[in-house]
Protein backbone atom coordinates (compact mmCIF):
# COMPACT_ATOMS: atom_id res chain seq x y z
CA MET A 1 0.14 5.39 -10.42
CA LYS A 2 -1.69 3.53 -13.62
CA ASN A 3 -0.55 1.30 -16.30
CA ALA A 4 -0.88 3.10 -19.37
CA THR A 5 -1.03 -0.27 -21.41
CA LEU A 6 -4.00 -1.65 -19.26
CA LEU A 7 -5.65 1.81 -19.59
CA LEU A 8 -5.58 1.91 -23.39
CA VAL A 9 -6.91 -1.48 -23.72
CA LEU A 10 -9.69 -0.53 -21.38
CA ALA A 11 -10.62 2.75 -23.29
CA LEU A 12 -10.85 0.40 -26.18
CA GLY A 13 -13.70 -1.92 -24.45
CA LEU A 14 -10.97 -5.13 -24.74
CA LEU A 15 -10.10 -5.83 -21.30
CA SER A 16 -11.44 -7.75 -20.15
CA CYS A 17 3.61 -6.23 0.41
CA ASP A 18 10.55 -6.90 8.34
CA GLY A 19 8.56 -9.37 5.54
CA THR A 20 10.99 -12.50 5.58
CA ARG A 21 8.41 -14.64 4.19
CA THR A 22 9.20 -15.03 0.53
CA ASP A 23 8.39 -18.84 0.26
CA ALA A 24 4.24 -18.83 0.72
CA PRO A 25 1.89 -16.37 1.16
CA PRO A 26 1.22 -14.91 4.53
CA PRO A 27 -0.60 -17.46 6.70
CA SER A 28 -4.73 -16.15 7.74
CA HIS A 29 -4.41 -15.44 11.81
CA GLY A 30 -8.01 -16.47 11.92
CA PRO A 31 -10.87 -14.43 13.88
CA ALA A 32 -8.75 -12.14 16.74
CA THR A 33 -10.82 -9.77 18.72
CA GLY A 34 -9.73 -7.11 21.20
CA SER A 35 -10.53 -3.71 22.81
CA VAL A 36 -9.49 -0.25 23.04
CA THR A 37 -10.53 2.41 25.43
CA VAL A 38 -10.78 5.66 23.72
CA GLY A 39 -12.34 8.57 25.11
CA GLY A 40 -13.58 7.04 28.19
CA LYS A 41 -15.04 4.16 26.12
CA LYS A 42 -14.45 0.52 25.81
CA ILE A 43 -14.61 -0.34 22.08
CA ASP A 44 -14.59 -3.71 20.89
CA VAL A 45 -12.68 -4.43 18.21
CA ALA A 46 -12.09 -7.13 15.47
CA LEU A 47 -8.18 -7.51 14.49
CA ILE A 48 -7.09 -7.52 11.20
CA LEU A 49 -3.14 -8.63 11.29
CA SER A 50 -1.75 -10.39 8.00
CA GLU A 51 -1.16 -8.60 4.88
CA LYS A 52 -3.76 -10.82 2.89
CA GLU A 53 -6.12 -9.75 5.17
CA ARG A 54 -4.94 -6.02 5.24
CA ARG A 55 -5.42 -5.88 1.56
CA HIS A 56 -8.85 -4.52 0.42
CA ALA A 57 -9.74 -4.89 4.04
CA VAL A 58 -12.77 -2.01 4.21
CA ALA A 59 -14.53 -3.48 1.45
CA ARG A 60 -15.35 -6.66 3.55
CA LEU A 61 -16.06 -4.65 6.89
CA SER A 62 -19.39 -4.43 8.28
CA ALA A 63 -20.97 -1.13 9.87
CA VAL A 64 -20.19 -0.84 13.78
CA GLY A 65 -22.31 0.24 16.60
CA GLU A 66 -20.64 2.91 19.17
CA THR A 67 -18.98 0.11 21.24
CA GLN A 68 -17.54 -1.42 18.51
CA GLY A 69 -14.73 -1.18 15.45
CA HIS A 70 -12.12 -2.65 13.40
CA LEU A 71 -8.74 -2.36 14.26
CA ILE A 72 -6.21 -2.99 11.27
CA ALA A 73 -2.49 -3.53 12.67
CA TRP A 74 0.90 -3.27 11.33
CA PRO A 75 4.03 -3.99 13.19
CA ARG A 76 5.67 -0.50 12.97
CA ASN A 77 4.90 3.00 12.32
CA ARG A 78 4.22 3.75 8.65
CA TYR A 79 2.31 5.71 5.99
CA MET A 80 -0.44 3.22 5.36
CA LYS A 81 -3.34 3.74 2.90
CA ILE A 82 -7.04 3.24 3.92
CA GLU A 83 -9.10 2.66 0.72
CA SER A 84 -13.19 1.87 0.59
CA ASP A 85 -13.57 1.99 -3.09
CA ARG A 86 -15.65 -1.31 -3.12
CA SER A 87 -17.25 -0.57 0.34
CA ARG A 88 -21.11 0.84 1.07
CA VAL A 89 -19.90 1.55 4.58
CA ALA A 90 -18.42 4.61 5.95
CA PHE A 91 -16.07 4.72 9.17
CA ASP A 92 -13.83 7.45 11.08
CA VAL A 93 -10.65 6.19 11.00
CA VAL A 94 -8.31 6.91 14.30
CA PHE A 95 -4.52 6.59 13.43
CA LEU A 96 -2.54 5.58 16.16
CA ASP A 97 1.17 4.98 16.70
CA THR A 98 2.86 1.98 17.98
CA SER A 99 2.45 3.38 21.84
CA GLY A 100 -1.71 3.77 21.18
CA LYS A 101 -1.21 7.79 20.82
CA ILE A 102 -3.56 9.29 18.59
CA VAL A 103 -1.73 10.55 15.11
CA ASP A 104 -4.59 11.73 13.07
CA LYS A 105 -8.12 11.26 12.51
CA LYS A 106 -9.95 11.32 9.34
CA PRO A 107 -13.89 10.51 7.84
CA LEU A 108 -13.67 7.75 5.07
CA ASP A 109 -16.89 7.86 2.97
CA ALA A 110 -18.34 4.69 1.76
CA GLY A 111 -17.03 4.19 -1.93
CA SER A 112 -13.95 6.61 -1.64
CA GLU A 113 -11.62 5.99 -4.71
CA GLU A 114 -8.91 8.03 -2.62
CA GLY A 115 -9.05 6.63 0.42
CA VAL A 116 -7.32 8.29 3.61
CA MET A 117 -3.84 8.33 4.87
CA PRO A 118 -2.41 9.43 8.24
CA ALA A 119 -0.41 12.80 8.11
CA ALA A 120 2.21 10.92 10.34
CA PRO A 121 3.16 7.10 10.32
CA ALA A 122 1.10 5.21 12.19
CA ALA A 123 0.67 1.35 13.46
CA TYR A 124 -3.10 1.02 13.43
CA ALA A 125 -6.02 2.24 11.64
CA LEU A 126 -8.90 2.09 14.26
CA LEU A 127 -12.40 2.33 12.26
CA LEU A 128 -15.34 3.65 14.20
CA GLY A 129 -18.92 4.29 13.15
CA PRO A 130 -19.13 7.78 11.61
CA GLY A 131 -19.21 10.71 13.57
CA GLN A 132 -17.91 8.92 16.65
CA SER A 133 -14.67 10.68 16.85
CA LEU A 134 -16.42 13.72 17.58
CA LYS A 135 -18.98 12.27 19.99
CA LEU A 136 -15.77 10.98 22.14
CA GLY A 137 -13.89 14.12 21.66
CA LEU A 138 -10.80 12.69 20.09
CA LYS A 139 -7.47 14.86 19.61
CA ASN A 140 -4.09 14.05 18.17
CA GLY A 141 -1.65 13.48 20.82
CA ASP A 142 -4.51 11.39 23.24
CA ALA A 143 -3.63 8.41 24.76
CA VAL A 144 -5.31 5.29 23.63
CA ALA A 145 -5.33 2.12 25.83
CA LEU A 146 -4.88 -0.85 23.97
CA SER A 147 -6.04 -4.31 25.71
CA PRO A 148 -3.45 -7.52 26.36
CA GLU A 149 -4.83 -9.14 23.35
CA ILE A 150 -3.63 -6.41 20.98
CA LEU A 151 -0.03 -5.62 22.60
CA ALA A 152 0.32 -9.45 22.42
CA ALA A 153 -0.62 -10.10 18.75
CA LYS A 154 1.86 -10.07 16.23
CA PRO A 155 1.14 -8.13 13.07
CA GLU A 156 2.57 -9.19 9.91
CA GLU A 157 4.74 -7.32 7.70
CA LEU A 158 4.64 -6.36 4.53
CA THR A 159 5.75 -8.51 1.87
CA VAL A 160 10.11 -8.35 1.54
CA MET A 161 12.08 -8.16 -1.85
CA THR A 162 15.53 -8.05 -2.22
CA ILE A 163 17.68 -6.55 -4.76
CA ASN A 164 21.24 -7.04 -4.63
CA GLY A 165 20.86 -7.94 -1.00
CA VAL A 166 19.05 -4.58 -0.31
CA LYS A 167 15.55 -4.74 1.29
CA ALA A 168 12.33 -3.19 0.12
CA TRP A 169 9.14 -3.78 1.92
CA VAL A 170 6.25 -4.05 -0.82
CA GLU A 171 2.48 -3.88 -0.97
CA LEU A 172 1.56 -6.25 -4.00
CA ALA A 173 -0.55 -5.22 -6.85
CA LEU A 174 -1.26 -8.82 -8.54
CA THR A 175 -4.99 -8.22 -10.03
CA ASP A 176 -5.75 -5.92 -13.12
CA ALA A 177 -7.89 -3.76 -10.74
CA GLU A 178 -5.00 -3.45 -8.20
CA ARG A 179 -2.29 -2.78 -10.85
CA GLN A 180 -4.20 -0.20 -12.70
CA HIS A 181 -5.04 1.35 -9.10
CA GLY A 182 -1.12 1.28 -7.95
CA LEU A 183 0.10 4.34 -5.86
CA MET A 184 -2.79 6.71 -7.00
CA HIS A 185 -3.82 9.45 -4.37
CA ARG A 186 -1.05 8.88 -2.02
CA PRO A 187 0.84 12.19 -0.81
CA ARG A 188 3.42 10.13 1.20
CA MET A 189 5.02 6.88 1.43
CA SER A 190 7.60 5.37 3.93
CA PRO A 191 11.18 5.60 3.06
CA GLU A 192 11.71 1.90 2.62
CA ASP A 193 8.18 0.95 1.53
CA GLY A 194 7.10 0.59 -2.12
CA MET A 195 4.64 -1.29 -4.28
CA LEU A 196 5.43 -4.32 -6.30
CA PHE A 197 3.44 -4.95 -9.72
CA ALA A 198 3.31 -8.67 -11.07
CA TYR A 199 1.82 -9.83 -14.36
CA PRO A 200 1.52 -13.27 -15.56
CA ASP A 201 4.12 -12.98 -18.42
CA GLU A 202 6.83 -10.82 -19.62
CA GLY A 203 5.50 -7.79 -21.93
CA ASN A 204 6.54 -4.15 -22.89
CA HIS A 205 5.00 -1.98 -19.99
CA GLN A 206 4.21 1.71 -20.02
CA PHE A 207 3.43 3.51 -16.90
CA TRP A 208 2.16 6.94 -16.32
CA MET A 209 1.34 9.06 -13.18
CA MET A 210 -2.33 10.22 -13.54
CA ASN A 211 -3.70 10.99 -9.99
CA THR A 212 0.09 9.98 -8.73
CA PHE A 213 0.83 12.61 -6.15
CA LEU A 214 4.42 11.81 -5.32
CA PRO A 215 7.46 11.42 -7.38
CA LEU A 216 8.54 7.38 -7.93
CA ASP A 217 11.22 5.74 -9.09
CA ILE A 218 9.71 3.08 -11.50
CA ALA A 219 12.16 0.04 -12.01
CA PHE A 220 11.78 -2.68 -14.30
CA PHE A 221 12.78 -6.54 -13.76
CA ALA A 222 12.69 -9.36 -16.04
CA ALA A 223 11.10 -12.66 -15.20
CA ASP A 224 14.22 -13.97 -13.68
CA GLY A 225 14.75 -10.88 -11.57
CA THR A 226 17.18 -8.87 -13.74
CA LEU A 227 16.70 -4.87 -13.61
CA LEU A 228 16.20 -3.90 -16.86
CA ASN A 229 15.83 0.13 -16.12
CA VAL A 230 14.92 2.43 -13.22
CA ASN A 231 12.89 5.61 -14.27
CA GLU A 232 12.98 8.38 -12.34
CA THR A 233 9.30 9.80 -12.56
CA ALA A 234 8.06 13.19 -11.35
CA ILE A 235 4.93 14.19 -10.84
CA TYR A 236 2.59 15.89 -13.43
CA PRO A 237 1.79 19.61 -13.38
CA ASP A 238 -1.83 18.46 -12.87
CA PRO A 239 -1.86 14.82 -11.92
CA ARG A 240 -5.70 14.78 -11.86
CA ASN A 241 -5.75 15.91 -15.62
CA PRO A 242 -2.66 15.02 -17.17
CA GLY A 243 -4.03 15.94 -21.11
CA ASN A 244 -3.48 13.84 -23.83
CA ASN A 245 0.48 14.32 -24.08
CA TYR A 246 1.73 13.07 -20.87
CA PRO A 247 4.62 11.22 -20.50
CA THR A 248 5.50 7.58 -19.75
CA ALA A 249 7.69 5.45 -17.75
CA ASN A 250 8.64 2.67 -20.22
CA SER A 251 10.50 -0.94 -19.60
CA LYS A 252 13.61 -1.38 -21.86
CA GLY A 253 12.73 -4.66 -22.97
CA PRO A 254 10.16 -7.56 -21.81
CA ALA A 255 9.10 -7.00 -18.05
CA ARG A 256 7.24 -9.02 -15.72
CA TYR A 257 7.22 -7.18 -12.19
CA VAL A 258 7.67 -3.09 -11.79
CA LEU A 259 8.54 -2.17 -8.28
CA GLU A 260 7.73 1.76 -7.81
CA MET A 261 9.72 3.27 -4.73
CA ASN A 262 10.04 6.93 -3.82
CA LEU A 263 12.11 8.94 -5.73
CA GLY A 264 15.74 8.40 -5.71
CA TRP A 265 15.77 5.27 -3.52
CA PHE A 266 17.40 3.25 -6.29
CA ARG A 267 20.16 5.81 -6.55
CA ALA A 268 20.58 6.37 -2.91
CA LYS A 269 21.11 2.29 -2.36
CA GLY A 270 23.69 2.37 -5.32
CA LEU A 271 21.50 0.25 -7.47
CA VAL A 272 21.65 2.73 -10.73
CA ASP A 273 24.79 5.48 -10.76
CA GLY A 274 24.84 9.17 -11.32
CA ALA A 275 23.59 8.71 -14.46
CA GLY A 276 20.80 6.36 -13.60
CA HIS A 277 22.65 3.44 -15.37
CA VAL A 278 21.76 0.29 -13.81
CA ALA A 279 24.61 -1.07 -11.93
CA PRO A 280 26.02 -4.82 -13.61
CA GLY A 281 24.27 -7.72 -12.45
CA THR A 282 21.96 -6.20 -10.43
CA LYS A 283 19.12 -8.57 -9.90
CA GLY A 284 16.00 -8.82 -7.57
CA VAL A 285 14.71 -11.94 -5.49
CA ILE A 286 10.86 -11.85 -6.41
CA PRO A 287 8.77 -12.54 -3.35
CA ASP A 288 7.08 -16.42 -4.12
CA TRP A 289 3.89 -14.90 -3.60
CA ALA A 290 4.31 -12.23 -5.88
CA VAL A 291 5.62 -15.10 -8.36
CA LYS A 292 2.26 -17.02 -8.19
CA GLY A 293 0.02 -14.16 -7.55
CA GLY A 294 0.68 -12.62 -10.94
CA THR A 295 -1.65 -14.83 -12.12
CA ASP A 296 -4.30 -14.01 -10.26
């Protein structure tokens, strides 16, 4: 989902994520390695465990040989998105659940703006060289053996945000590029997951749904966490080509944070009533990393 205000500035040529750690950026786990045995072959893998490292991970990864790979890990099964828009390297992505079973596999082209997602929730994204899935004869449902190092690792959760005590696990959009890209090209999202957009300062924001393939609740928060309004936002008839008169979701007052969740999440949690009005006194506790990161 893109911010319409940012896109307008760009067009004019003027422009320039249970996460209980809300007090500081996630720590770097340092280099970690392990191995997987898949299709009868042992693959040595570099582990990517923290949210800070997972963000834009593919753009920093090198090509791998037939006995090498990368393993991006989460502590639970979820609909993760693997993006490669700034990468010159292609991969086969094999999605595994917490038990190591293959739930999906997809090729990831170099420089793919759309990236790839699993058709079922997964805890691991195993990145292999292009064509390796076919060479190894991998199929959905196959078991992959995870080494003791992987089983002992503790992947970090997404950052947690609470709203009147209700938890949402959020990916963070802290930079102009991250805010512009948002949740584009995602056909699905886990029920309690979302994305938190953080800005350096309060302002009136407009969001639109170009290249956004799932309906969303778009919630606007003031700098002190006060929930201003929630827009229940449908998919455009043609998200890739919305035309010139597309509807937008607008903040009702200056906002510094915007939270996108699956459509109906705020209503289901009792944070808005049947008419979409915000319950009095509704306030979010903004993760400190987002507060500080909004100036990135």
